Amino acid sequence: MRRKTGSLVPLEVAILDALIELRRHGTPEAHGFLIASELRSIGDDRRLTAYGTLYKALDRLAESGAIDGRWEDPEIAAAEGRPRRRYHRITLAGEAARTAADPIARRISAADRGAATS
């Protein structure tokens, strides 16, 4: 089964929710392990069957423009004796895609547009 272009699968919605929640609590960008931890803390880890699944979803979200990513400075990782991390942050397009994926949010948004034109 193919999905519609621009639509999000439940794991992608959960990742965007996790990034929004992390940002709300003062973490504007997060690496994959932190995102997975946030998914567990908000109870959405059932969608996370393996870390490979998470990283494939992050790649799809980046390709669609829903998130931006950057590699951390290699010197920081070397100083801490670990591999470099890729940090992700939700974009305005990602916030719009998240809202569009939520039927309740779509109805509220439509109602707001109707009230604004009245």
PDB file of N, CA and C in Angstrom:
ATOM      1  N   MET A   1       0.835  -1.173   0.000  1.00  0.00           N
ATOM      2  CA  MET A   1       0.000   0.000   0.000  1.00  0.00           C
ATOM      3  C   MET A   1       0.883   1.241   0.000  1.00  0.00           C
ATOM      4  N   ARG A   2       0.608   2.153  -0.905  1.00  0.00           N
ATOM      5  CA  ARG A   2       1.371   3.394  -0.993  1.00  0.00           C
ATOM      6  C   ARG A   2       0.646   4.487  -0.233  1.00  0.00           C
ATOM      7  N   ARG A   3       1.414   5.381   0.335  1.00  0.00           N
ATOM      8  CA  ARG A   3       0.780   6.504   1.017  1.00  0.00           C
ATOM      9  C   ARG A   3       0.764   7.710   0.110  1.00  0.00           C
ATOM     10  N   LYS A   4      -0.137   8.637   0.394  1.00  0.00           N
ATOM     11  CA  LYS A   4      -0.244   9.849  -0.401  1.00  0.00           C
ATOM     12  C   LYS A   4       0.992  10.709  -0.198  1.00  0.00           C
ATOM     13  N   THR A   5       1.423  11.364  -1.269  1.00  0.00           N
ATOM     14  CA  THR A   5       2.543  12.285  -1.164  1.00  0.00           C
ATOM     15  C   THR A   5       2.198  13.364  -0.151  1.00  0.00           C
ATOM     16  N   GLY A   6       3.125  13.624   0.752  1.00  0.00           N
ATOM     17  CA  GLY A   6       2.914  14.660   1.749  1.00  0.00           C
ATOM     18  C   GLY A   6       2.215  14.193   3.010  1.00  0.00           C
ATOM     19  N   SER A   7       1.714  12.956   3.027  1.00  0.00           N
ATOM     20  CA  SER A   7       1.060  12.461   4.238  1.00  0.00           C
ATOM     21  C   SER A   7       2.106  11.863   5.177  1.00  0.00           C
ATOM     22  N   LEU A   8       1.765  11.822   6.437  1.00  0.00           N
ATOM     23  CA  LEU A   8       2.676  11.300   7.455  1.00  0.00           C
ATOM     24  C   LEU A   8       2.181   9.956   7.969  1.00  0.00           C
ATOM     25  N   VAL A   9       3.106   9.041   8.219  1.00  0.00           N
ATOM     26  CA  VAL A   9       2.756   7.786   8.879  1.00  0.00           C
ATOM     27  C   VAL A   9       2.774   8.051  10.388  1.00  0.00           C
ATOM     28  N   PRO A  10       2.123   7.206  11.182  1.00  0.00           N
ATOM     29  CA  PRO A  10       2.040   7.456  12.625  1.00  0.00           C
ATOM     30  C   PRO A  10       3.388   7.674  13.317  1.00  0.00           C
ATOM     31  N   LEU A  11       4.432   6.954  12.924  1.00  0.00           N
ATOM     32  CA  LEU A  11       5.739   7.164  13.546  1.00  0.00           C
ATOM     33  C   LEU A  11       6.251   8.575  13.268  1.00  0.00           C
ATOM     34  N   GLU A  12       6.042   9.078  12.064  1.00  0.00           N
ATOM     35  CA  GLU A  12       6.501  10.429  11.731  1.00  0.00           C
ATOM     36  C   GLU A  12       5.739  11.478  12.541  1.00  0.00           C
ATOM     37  N   VAL A  13       4.452  11.268  12.727  1.00  0.00           N
ATOM     38  CA  VAL A  13       3.657  12.171  13.565  1.00  0.00           C
ATOM     39  C   VAL A  13       4.195  12.145  14.991  1.00  0.00           C
ATOM     40  N   ALA A  14       4.490  10.952  15.490  1.00  0.00           N
ATOM     41  CA  ALA A  14       5.014  10.813  16.853  1.00  0.00           C
ATOM     42  C   ALA A  14       6.368  11.509  16.994  1.00  0.00           C
ATOM     43  N   ILE A  15       7.223  11.418  15.983  1.00  0.00           N
ATOM     44  CA  ILE A  15       8.524  12.083  16.025  1.00  0.00           C
ATOM     45  C   ILE A  15       8.333  13.598  16.072  1.00  0.00           C
ATOM     46  N   LEU A  16       7.434  14.114  15.236  1.00  0.00           N
ATOM     47  CA  LEU A  16       7.172  15.554  15.254  1.00  0.00           C
ATOM     48  C   LEU A  16       6.618  15.974  16.613  1.00  0.00           C
ATOM     49  N   ASP A  17       5.722  15.167  17.185  1.00  0.00           N
ATOM     50  CA  ASP A  17       5.206  15.462  18.526  1.00  0.00           C
ATOM     51  C   ASP A  17       6.335  15.496  19.552  1.00  0.00           C
ATOM     52  N   ALA A  18       7.249  14.537  19.464  1.00  0.00           N
ATOM     53  CA  ALA A  18       8.378  14.482  20.399  1.00  0.00           C
ATOM     54  C   ALA A  18       9.253  15.720  20.255  1.00  0.00           C
ATOM     55  N   LEU A  19       9.532  16.133  19.022  1.00  0.00           N
ATOM     56  CA  LEU A  19      10.358  17.326  18.808  1.00  0.00           C
ATOM     57  C   LEU A  19       9.665  18.582  19.323  1.00  0.00           C
ATOM     58  N   ILE A  20       8.350  18.660  19.143  1.00  0.00           N
ATOM     59  CA  ILE A  20       7.591  19.803  19.664  1.00  0.00           C
ATOM     60  C   ILE A  20       7.639  19.810  21.185  1.00  0.00           C
ATOM     61  N   GLU A  21       7.455  18.653  21.786  1.00  0.00           N
ATOM     62  CA  GLU A  21       7.478  18.557  23.252  1.00  0.00           C
ATOM     63  C   GLU A  21       8.861  18.891  23.812  1.00  0.00           C
ATOM     64  N   LEU A  22       9.904  18.382  23.176  1.00  0.00           N
ATOM     65  CA  LEU A  22      11.260  18.697  23.626  1.00  0.00           C
ATOM     66  C   LEU A  22      11.531  20.200  23.523  1.00  0.00           C
ATOM     67  N   ARG A  23      11.107  20.806  22.422  1.00  0.00           N
ATOM     68  CA  ARG A  23      11.297  22.246  22.254  1.00  0.00           C
ATOM     69  C   ARG A  23      10.544  23.013  23.339  1.00  0.00           C
ATOM     70  N   ARG A  24       9.332  22.568  23.638  1.00  0.00           N
ATOM     71  CA  ARG A  24       8.523  23.210  24.680  1.00  0.00           C
ATOM     72  C   ARG A  24       9.255  23.207  26.024  1.00  0.00           C
ATOM     73  N   HIS A  25      10.081  22.196  26.236  1.00  0.00           N
ATOM     74  CA  HIS A  25      10.814  22.073  27.506  1.00  0.00           C
ATOM     75  C   HIS A  25      12.254  22.563  27.406  1.00  0.00           C
ATOM     76  N   GLY A  26      12.545  23.368  26.375  1.00  0.00           N
ATOM     77  CA  GLY A  26      13.848  24.022  26.291  1.00  0.00           C
ATOM     78  C   GLY A  26      14.910  23.304  25.489  1.00  0.00           C
ATOM     79  N   THR A  27      14.562  22.268  24.754  1.00  0.00           N
ATOM     80  CA  THR A  27      15.527  21.564  23.917  1.00  0.00           C
ATOM     81  C   THR A  27      15.112  21.748  22.465  1.00  0.00           C
ATOM     82  N   PRO A  28      15.666  22.761  21.775  1.00  0.00           N
ATOM     83  CA  PRO A  28      15.207  23.084  20.420  1.00  0.00           C
ATOM     84  C   PRO A  28      15.588  22.063  19.359  1.00  0.00           C
ATOM     85  N   GLU A  29      16.596  21.242  19.636  1.00  0.00           N
ATOM     86  CA  GLU A  29      17.003  20.206  18.691  1.00  0.00           C
ATOM     87  C   GLU A  29      17.416  18.973  19.479  1.00  0.00           C
ATOM     88  N   ALA A  30      17.285  17.802  18.832  1.00  0.00           N
ATOM     89  CA  ALA A  30      17.552  16.558  19.549  1.00  0.00           C
ATOM     90  C   ALA A  30      18.165  15.527  18.618  1.00  0.00           C
ATOM     91  N   HIS A  31      19.022  14.674  19.178  1.00  0.00           N
ATOM     92  CA  HIS A  31      19.594  13.559  18.413  1.00  0.00           C
ATOM     93  C   HIS A  31      18.659  12.359  18.529  1.00  0.00           C
ATOM     94  N   GLY A  32      18.896  11.359  17.708  1.00  0.00           N
ATOM     95  CA  GLY A  32      18.005  10.215  17.603  1.00  0.00           C
ATOM     96  C   GLY A  32      17.710   9.512  18.912  1.00  0.00           C
ATOM     97  N   PHE A  33      18.731   9.295  19.742  1.00  0.00           N
ATOM     98  CA  PHE A  33      18.497   8.581  20.993  1.00  0.00           C
ATOM     99  C   PHE A  33      17.600   9.393  21.917  1.00  0.00           C
ATOM    100  N   LEU A  34      17.787  10.716  21.940  1.00  0.00           N
ATOM    101  CA  LEU A  34      16.935  11.575  22.764  1.00  0.00           C
ATOM    102  C   LEU A  34      15.495  11.565  22.247  1.00  0.00           C
ATOM    103  N   ILE A  35      15.328  11.555  20.928  1.00  0.00           N
ATOM    104  CA  ILE A  35      13.982  11.474  20.346  1.00  0.00           C
ATOM    105  C   ILE A  35      13.329  10.150  20.747  1.00  0.00           C
ATOM    106  N   ALA A  36      14.074   9.055  20.659  1.00  0.00           N
ATOM    107  CA  ALA A  36      13.543   7.742  21.055  1.00  0.00           C
ATOM    108  C   ALA A  36      13.159   7.743  22.534  1.00  0.00           C
ATOM    109  N   SER A  37      13.976   8.366  23.373  1.00  0.00           N
ATOM    110  CA  SER A  37      13.661   8.456  24.801  1.00  0.00           C
ATOM    111  C   SER A  37      12.394   9.265  25.033  1.00  0.00           C
ATOM    112  N   GLU A  38      12.237  10.349  24.284  1.00  0.00           N
ATOM    113  CA  GLU A  38      11.034  11.176  24.410  1.00  0.00           C
ATOM    114  C   GLU A  38       9.803  10.391  23.946  1.00  0.00           C
ATOM    115  N   LEU A  39       9.936   9.617  22.876  1.00  0.00           N
ATOM    116  CA  LEU A  39       8.822   8.779  22.422  1.00  0.00           C
ATOM    117  C   LEU A  39       8.396   7.814  23.526  1.00  0.00           C
ATOM    118  N   ARG A  40       9.379   7.249  24.224  1.00  0.00           N
ATOM    119  CA  ARG A  40       9.072   6.354  25.338  1.00  0.00           C
ATOM    120  C   ARG A  40       8.375   7.111  26.461  1.00  0.00           C
ATOM    121  N   SER A  41       8.846   8.317  26.767  1.00  0.00           N
ATOM    122  CA  SER A  41       8.272   9.053  27.898  1.00  0.00           C
ATOM    123  C   SER A  41       6.857   9.538  27.624  1.00  0.00           C
ATOM    124  N   ILE A  42       6.521   9.818  26.355  1.00  0.00           N
ATOM    125  CA  ILE A  42       5.152  10.243  26.048  1.00  0.00           C
ATOM    126  C   ILE A  42       4.274   9.056  25.670  1.00  0.00           C
ATOM    127  N   GLY A  43       4.833   7.851  25.791  1.00  0.00           N
ATOM    128  CA  GLY A  43       4.051   6.637  25.579  1.00  0.00           C
ATOM    129  C   GLY A  43       3.810   6.279  24.129  1.00  0.00           C
ATOM    130  N   ASP A  44       4.653   6.778  23.240  1.00  0.00           N
ATOM    131  CA  ASP A  44       4.459   6.482  21.818  1.00  0.00           C
ATOM    132  C   ASP A  44       5.552   5.567  21.280  1.00  0.00           C
ATOM    133  N   ASP A  45       6.211   4.835  22.159  1.00  0.00           N
ATOM    134  CA  ASP A  45       7.313   3.988  21.712  1.00  0.00           C
ATOM    135  C   ASP A  45       6.844   2.703  21.043  1.00  0.00           C
ATOM    136  N   ARG A  46       5.562   2.398  21.086  1.00  0.00           N
ATOM    137  CA  ARG A  46       5.087   1.178  20.414  1.00  0.00           C
ATOM    138  C   ARG A  46       5.320   1.266  18.914  1.00  0.00           C
ATOM    139  N   ARG A  47       5.394   2.476  18.383  1.00  0.00           N
ATOM    140  CA  ARG A  47       5.658   2.677  16.958  1.00  0.00           C
ATOM    141  C   ARG A  47       7.142   2.484  16.637  1.00  0.00           C
ATOM    142  N   LEU A  48       7.934   2.506  17.669  1.00  0.00           N
ATOM    143  CA  LEU A  48       9.379   2.452  17.500  1.00  0.00           C
ATOM    144  C   LEU A  48       9.847   1.017  17.680  1.00  0.00           C
ATOM    145  N   THR A  49       9.840   0.260  16.605  1.00  0.00           N
ATOM    146  CA  THR A  49      10.177  -1.161  16.702  1.00  0.00           C
ATOM    147  C   THR A  49      11.680  -1.391  16.707  1.00  0.00           C
ATOM    148  N   ALA A  50      12.437  -0.491  16.098  1.00  0.00           N
ATOM    149  CA  ALA A  50      13.890  -0.610  16.061  1.00  0.00           C
ATOM    150  C   ALA A  50      14.467   0.757  15.740  1.00  0.00           C
ATOM    151  N   TYR A  51      15.700   0.991  16.136  1.00  0.00           N
ATOM    152  CA  TYR A  51      16.296   2.298  15.861  1.00  0.00           C
ATOM    153  C   TYR A  51      16.442   2.547  14.372  1.00  0.00           C
ATOM    154  N   GLY A  52      16.607   1.493  13.587  1.00  0.00           N
ATOM    155  CA  GLY A  52      16.656   1.667  12.138  1.00  0.00           C
ATOM    156  C   GLY A  52      15.368   2.283  11.614  1.00  0.00           C
ATOM    157  N   THR A  53      14.254   1.925  12.235  1.00  0.00           N
ATOM    158  CA  THR A  53      12.959   2.502  11.870  1.00  0.00           C
ATOM    159  C   THR A  53      12.958   3.995  12.161  1.00  0.00           C
ATOM    160  N   LEU A  54      13.466   4.385  13.299  1.00  0.00           N
ATOM    161  CA  LEU A  54      13.524   5.797  13.679  1.00  0.00           C
ATOM    162  C   LEU A  54      14.354   6.588  12.676  1.00  0.00           C
ATOM    163  N   TYR A  55      15.526   6.098  12.349  1.00  0.00           N
ATOM    164  CA  TYR A  55      16.416   6.853  11.475  1.00  0.00           C
ATOM    165  C   TYR A  55      15.892   6.927  10.046  1.00  0.00           C
ATOM    166  N   LYS A  56      15.203   5.902   9.589  1.00  0.00           N
ATOM    167  CA  LYS A  56      14.573   5.972   8.262  1.00  0.00           C
ATOM    168  C   LYS A  56      13.477   7.029   8.261  1.00  0.00           C
ATOM    169  N   ALA A  57      12.692   7.074   9.335  1.00  0.00           N
ATOM    170  CA  ALA A  57      11.633   8.075   9.441  1.00  0.00           C
ATOM    171  C   ALA A  57      12.232   9.479   9.527  1.00  0.00           C
ATOM    172  N   LEU A  58      13.333   9.640  10.258  1.00  0.00           N
ATOM    173  CA  LEU A  58      13.999  10.948  10.334  1.00  0.00           C
ATOM    174  C   LEU A  58      14.483  11.373   8.952  1.00  0.00           C
ATOM    175  N   ASP A  59      15.032  10.436   8.192  1.00  0.00           N
ATOM    176  CA  ASP A  59      15.469  10.744   6.821  1.00  0.00           C
ATOM    177  C   ASP A  59      14.297  11.189   5.951  1.00  0.00           C
ATOM    178  N   ARG A  60      13.168  10.486   6.054  1.00  0.00           N
ATOM    179  CA  ARG A  60      11.987  10.874   5.260  1.00  0.00           C
ATOM    180  C   ARG A  60      11.496  12.261   5.653  1.00  0.00           C
ATOM    181  N   LEU A  61      11.475  12.541   6.960  1.00  0.00           N
ATOM    182  CA  LEU A  61      11.037  13.854   7.423  1.00  0.00           C
ATOM    183  C   LEU A  61      11.982  14.954   6.944  1.00  0.00           C
ATOM    184  N   ALA A  62      13.277  14.669   6.931  1.00  0.00           N
ATOM    185  CA  ALA A  62      14.245  15.653   6.448  1.00  0.00           C
ATOM    186  C   ALA A  62      14.075  15.889   4.954  1.00  0.00           C
ATOM    187  N   GLU A  63      13.884  14.814   4.197  1.00  0.00           N
ATOM    188  CA  GLU A  63      13.688  14.948   2.749  1.00  0.00           C
ATOM    189  C   GLU A  63      12.438  15.759   2.421  1.00  0.00           C
ATOM    190  N   SER A  64      11.415  15.656   3.258  1.00  0.00           N
ATOM    191  CA  SER A  64      10.170  16.383   3.010  1.00  0.00           C
ATOM    192  C   SER A  64      10.242  17.834   3.493  1.00  0.00           C
ATOM    193  N   GLY A  65      11.287  18.165   4.258  1.00  0.00           N
ATOM    194  CA  GLY A  65      11.421  19.524   4.783  1.00  0.00           C
ATOM    195  C   GLY A  65      10.741  19.732   6.121  1.00  0.00           C
ATOM    196  N   ALA A  66      10.201  18.661   6.724  1.00  0.00           N
ATOM    197  CA  ALA A  66       9.511  18.774   8.005  1.00  0.00           C
ATOM    198  C   ALA A  66      10.477  18.985   9.167  1.00  0.00           C
ATOM    199  N   ILE A  67      11.715  18.512   8.991  1.00  0.00           N
ATOM    200  CA  ILE A  67      12.749  18.734  10.002  1.00  0.00           C
ATOM    201  C   ILE A  67      14.038  19.152   9.304  1.00  0.00           C
ATOM    202  N   ASP A  68      14.869  19.846  10.045  1.00  0.00           N
ATOM    203  CA  ASP A  68      16.223  20.178   9.609  1.00  0.00           C
ATOM    204  C   ASP A  68      17.187  19.392  10.476  1.00  0.00           C
ATOM    205  N   GLY A  69      18.343  19.094   9.929  1.00  0.00           N
ATOM    206  CA  GLY A  69      19.340  18.375  10.709  1.00  0.00           C
ATOM    207  C   GLY A  69      20.714  18.981  10.536  1.00  0.00           C
ATOM    208  N   ARG A  70      21.544  18.737  11.515  1.00  0.00           N
ATOM    209  CA  ARG A  70      22.939  19.168  11.448  1.00  0.00           C
ATOM    210  C   ARG A  70      23.785  18.172  12.225  1.00  0.00           C
ATOM    211  N   TRP A  71      25.004  17.993  11.741  1.00  0.00           N
ATOM    212  CA  TRP A  71      25.952  17.143  12.462  1.00  0.00           C
ATOM    213  C   TRP A  71      26.652  17.981  13.513  1.00  0.00           C
ATOM    214  N   GLU A  72      26.870  17.392  14.670  1.00  0.00           N
ATOM    215  CA  GLU A  72      27.584  18.110  15.722  1.00  0.00           C
ATOM    216  C   GLU A  72      29.063  18.215  15.354  1.00  0.00           C
ATOM    217  N   ASP A  73      29.738  19.126  15.968  1.00  0.00           N
ATOM    218  CA  ASP A  73      31.168  19.332  15.761  1.00  0.00           C
ATOM    219  C   ASP A  73      31.912  18.039  16.114  1.00  0.00           C
ATOM    220  N   PRO A  74      32.736  17.525  15.205  1.00  0.00           N
ATOM    221  CA  PRO A  74      33.435  16.256  15.486  1.00  0.00           C
ATOM    222  C   PRO A  74      34.369  16.346  16.693  1.00  0.00           C
ATOM    223  N   GLU A  75      34.863  17.534  16.985  1.00  0.00           N
ATOM    224  CA  GLU A  75      35.753  17.676  18.143  1.00  0.00           C
ATOM    225  C   GLU A  75      35.011  17.451  19.458  1.00  0.00           C
ATOM    226  N   ILE A  76      33.749  17.840  19.511  1.00  0.00           N
ATOM    227  CA  ILE A  76      32.950  17.613  20.729  1.00  0.00           C
ATOM    228  C   ILE A  76      32.774  16.118  20.949  1.00  0.00           C
ATOM    229  N   ALA A  77      32.410  15.407  19.888  1.00  0.00           N
ATOM    230  CA  ALA A  77      32.226  13.962  19.998  1.00  0.00           C
ATOM    231  C   ALA A  77      33.531  13.271  20.373  1.00  0.00           C
ATOM    232  N   ALA A  78      34.627  13.686  19.757  1.00  0.00           N
ATOM    233  CA  ALA A  78      35.931  13.076  20.055  1.00  0.00           C
ATOM    234  C   ALA A  78      36.320  13.322  21.510  1.00  0.00           C
ATOM    235  N   ALA A  79      36.082  14.524  21.990  1.00  0.00           N
ATOM    236  CA  ALA A  79      36.426  14.854  23.374  1.00  0.00           C
ATOM    237  C   ALA A  79      35.621  14.006  24.363  1.00  0.00           C
ATOM    238  N   GLU A  80      34.395  13.635  23.974  1.00  0.00           N
ATOM    239  CA  GLU A  80      33.552  12.812  24.833  1.00  0.00           C
ATOM    240  C   GLU A  80      33.709  11.323  24.541  1.00  0.00           C
ATOM    241  N   GLY A  81      34.556  10.977  23.555  1.00  0.00           N
ATOM    242  CA  GLY A  81      34.835   9.576  23.253  1.00  0.00           C
ATOM    243  C   GLY A  81      33.653   8.813  22.678  1.00  0.00           C
ATOM    244  N   ARG A  82      32.905   9.451  21.796  1.00  0.00           N
ATOM    245  CA  ARG A  82      31.733   8.806  21.198  1.00  0.00           C
ATOM    246  C   ARG A  82      31.595   9.259  19.759  1.00  0.00           C
ATOM    247  N   PRO A  83      30.740   8.574  18.986  1.00  0.00           N
ATOM    248  CA  PRO A  83      30.503   9.016  17.600  1.00  0.00           C
ATOM    249  C   PRO A  83      29.774  10.359  17.577  1.00  0.00           C
ATOM    250  N   ARG A  84      29.873  11.038  16.449  1.00  0.00           N
ATOM    251  CA  ARG A  84      29.149  12.302  16.286  1.00  0.00           C
ATOM    252  C   ARG A  84      27.646  12.050  16.279  1.00  0.00           C
ATOM    253  N   ARG A  85      26.918  13.035  16.723  1.00  0.00           N
ATOM    254  CA  ARG A  85      25.460  12.958  16.725  1.00  0.00           C
ATOM    255  C   ARG A  85      24.899  13.858  15.626  1.00  0.00           C
ATOM    256  N   ARG A  86      23.784  13.433  15.083  1.00  0.00           N
ATOM    257  CA  ARG A  86      23.049  14.283  14.150  1.00  0.00           C
ATOM    258  C   ARG A  86      21.862  14.853  14.925  1.00  0.00           C
ATOM    259  N   TYR A  87      21.770  16.170  14.963  1.00  0.00           N
ATOM    260  CA  TYR A  87      20.693  16.849  15.685  1.00  0.00           C
ATOM    261  C   TYR A  87      19.594  17.256  14.714  1.00  0.00           C
ATOM    262  N   HIS A  88      18.344  17.126  15.176  1.00  0.00           N
ATOM    263  CA  HIS A  88      17.171  17.415  14.350  1.00  0.00           C
ATOM    264  C   HIS A  88      16.307  18.444  15.055  1.00  0.00           C
ATOM    265  N   ARG A  89      15.669  19.312  14.246  1.00  0.00           N
ATOM    266  CA  ARG A  89      14.708  20.268  14.783  1.00  0.00           C
ATOM    267  C   ARG A  89      13.538  20.356  13.813  1.00  0.00           C
ATOM    268  N   ILE A  90      12.351  20.585  14.359  1.00  0.00           N
ATOM    269  CA  ILE A  90      11.157  20.691  13.529  1.00  0.00           C
ATOM    270  C   ILE A  90      11.154  22.057  12.834  1.00  0.00           C
ATOM    271  N   THR A  91      10.689  22.083  11.599  1.00  0.00           N
ATOM    272  CA  THR A  91      10.605  23.323  10.827  1.00  0.00           C
ATOM    273  C   THR A  91       9.154  23.812  10.835  1.00  0.00           C
ATOM    274  N   LEU A  92       8.943  24.999  10.292  1.00  0.00           N
ATOM    275  CA  LEU A  92       7.573  25.500  10.148  1.00  0.00           C
ATOM    276  C   LEU A  92       6.756  24.571   9.260  1.00  0.00           C
ATOM    277  N   ALA A  93       7.402  24.039   8.213  1.00  0.00           N
ATOM    278  CA  ALA A  93       6.712  23.075   7.340  1.00  0.00           C
ATOM    279  C   ALA A  93       6.346  21.819   8.125  1.00  0.00           C
ATOM    280  N   GLY A  94       7.194  21.408   9.047  1.00  0.00           N
ATOM    281  CA  GLY A  94       6.905  20.247   9.883  1.00  0.00           C
ATOM    282  C   GLY A  94       5.744  20.507  10.824  1.00  0.00           C
ATOM    283  N   GLU A  95       5.689  21.721  11.377  1.00  0.00           N
ATOM    284  CA  GLU A  95       4.565  22.064  12.246  1.00  0.00           C
ATOM    285  C   GLU A  95       3.261  22.064  11.452  1.00  0.00           C
ATOM    286  N   ALA A  96       3.308  22.600  10.229  1.00  0.00           N
ATOM    287  CA  ALA A  96       2.110  22.615   9.376  1.00  0.00           C
ATOM    288  C   ALA A  96       1.698  21.191   9.010  1.00  0.00           C
ATOM    289  N   ALA A  97       2.675  20.342   8.692  1.00  0.00           N
ATOM    290  CA  ALA A  97       2.371  18.945   8.351  1.00  0.00           C
ATOM    291  C   ALA A  97       1.776  18.225   9.553  1.00  0.00           C
ATOM    292  N   ARG A  98       2.297  18.518  10.730  1.00  0.00           N
ATOM    293  CA  ARG A  98       1.766  17.894  11.956  1.00  0.00           C
ATOM    294  C   ARG A  98       0.323  18.316  12.188  1.00  0.00           C
ATOM    295  N   THR A  99       0.034  19.593  12.013  1.00  0.00           N
ATOM    296  CA  THR A  99      -1.328  20.093  12.181  1.00  0.00           C
ATOM    297  C   THR A  99      -2.248  19.461  11.148  1.00  0.00           C
ATOM    298  N   ALA A 100      -1.777  19.350   9.914  1.00  0.00           N
ATOM    299  CA  ALA A 100      -2.588  18.770   8.845  1.00  0.00           C
ATOM    300  C   ALA A 100      -2.859  17.286   9.083  1.00  0.00           C
ATOM    301  N   ALA A 101      -1.975  16.613   9.816  1.00  0.00           N
ATOM    302  CA  ALA A 101      -2.133  15.181  10.080  1.00  0.00           C
ATOM    303  C   ALA A 101      -3.165  14.916  11.169  1.00  0.00           C
ATOM    304  N   ASP A 102      -3.574  15.960  11.880  1.00  0.00           N
ATOM    305  CA  ASP A 102      -4.490  15.821  13.009  1.00  0.00           C
ATOM    306  C   ASP A 102      -5.884  16.298  12.594  1.00  0.00           C
ATOM    307  N   PRO A 103      -6.846  15.405  12.461  1.00  0.00           N
ATOM    308  CA  PRO A 103      -8.184  15.804  11.999  1.00  0.00           C
ATOM    309  C   PRO A 103      -8.822  16.871  12.887  1.00  0.00           C
ATOM    310  N   ILE A 104      -8.631  16.807  14.195  1.00  0.00           N
ATOM    311  CA  ILE A 104      -9.202  17.806  15.099  1.00  0.00           C
ATOM    312  C   ILE A 104      -8.562  19.161  14.844  1.00  0.00           C
ATOM    313  N   ALA A 105      -7.246  19.186  14.696  1.00  0.00           N
ATOM    314  CA  ALA A 105      -6.554  20.446  14.431  1.00  0.00           C
ATOM    315  C   ALA A 105      -6.995  21.035  13.099  1.00  0.00           C
ATOM    316  N   ARG A 106      -7.234  20.175  12.099  1.00  0.00           N
ATOM    317  CA  ARG A 106      -7.705  20.670  10.799  1.00  0.00           C
ATOM    318  C   ARG A 106      -9.066  21.336  10.940  1.00  0.00           C
ATOM    319  N   ARG A 107      -9.963  20.725  11.732  1.00  0.00           N
ATOM    320  CA  ARG A 107     -11.296  21.308  11.917  1.00  0.00           C
ATOM    321  C   ARG A 107     -11.200  22.638  12.650  1.00  0.00           C
ATOM    322  N   ILE A 108     -10.353  22.732  13.683  1.00  0.00           N
ATOM    323  CA  ILE A 108     -10.180  23.986  14.421  1.00  0.00           C
ATOM    324  C   ILE A 108      -9.607  25.051  13.500  1.00  0.00           C
ATOM    325  N   SER A 109      -8.598  24.694  12.714  1.00  0.00           N
ATOM    326  CA  SER A 109      -7.984  25.636  11.782  1.00  0.00           C
ATOM    327  C   SER A 109      -9.002  26.137  10.769  1.00  0.00           C
ATOM    328  N   ALA A 110      -9.831  25.246  10.238  1.00  0.00           N
ATOM    329  CA  ALA A 110     -10.856  25.641   9.273  1.00  0.00           C
ATOM    330  C   ALA A 110     -11.866  26.574   9.927  1.00  0.00           C
ATOM    331  N   ALA A 111     -12.230  26.278  11.172  1.00  0.00           N
ATOM    332  CA  ALA A 111     -13.177  27.130  11.898  1.00  0.00           C
ATOM    333  C   ALA A 111     -12.576  28.512  12.135  1.00  0.00           C
ATOM    334  N   ASP A 112     -11.285  28.568  12.467  1.00  0.00           N
ATOM    335  CA  ASP A 112     -10.604  29.843  12.670  1.00  0.00           C
ATOM    336  C   ASP A 112     -10.583  30.656  11.364  1.00  0.00           C
ATOM    337  N   ARG A 113     -10.323  29.991  10.243  1.00  0.00           N
ATOM    338  CA  ARG A 113     -10.321  30.696   8.952  1.00  0.00           C
ATOM    339  C   ARG A 113     -11.706  31.237   8.645  1.00  0.00           C
ATOM    340  N   GLY A 114     -12.742  30.448   8.946  1.00  0.00           N
ATOM    341  CA  GLY A 114     -14.109  30.894   8.701  1.00  0.00           C
ATOM    342  C   GLY A 114     -14.481  32.084   9.560  1.00  0.00           C
ATOM    343  N   ALA A 115     -14.037  32.082  10.813  1.00  0.00           N
ATOM    344  CA  ALA A 115     -14.321  33.191  11.723  1.00  0.00           C
ATOM    345  C   ALA A 115     -13.568  34.448  11.285  1.00  0.00           C
ATOM    346  N   ALA A 116     -12.379  34.269  10.727  1.00  0.00           N
ATOM    347  CA  ALA A 116     -11.569  35.405  10.305  1.00  0.00           C
ATOM    348  C   ALA A 116     -12.152  36.079   9.068  1.00  0.00           C
ATOM    349  N   THR A 117     -12.883  35.324   8.230  1.00  0.00           N
ATOM    350  CA  THR A 117     -13.442  35.901   7.011  1.00  0.00           C
ATOM    351  C   THR A 117     -14.836  36.443   7.227  1.00  0.00           C
ATOM    352  N   SER A 118     -15.431  36.190   8.393  1.00  0.00           N
ATOM    353  CA  SER A 118     -16.796  36.656   8.657  1.00  0.00           C
ATOM    354  C   SER A 118     -16.827  38.097   9.075  1.00  0.00           C
TER     355      SER A 118
END
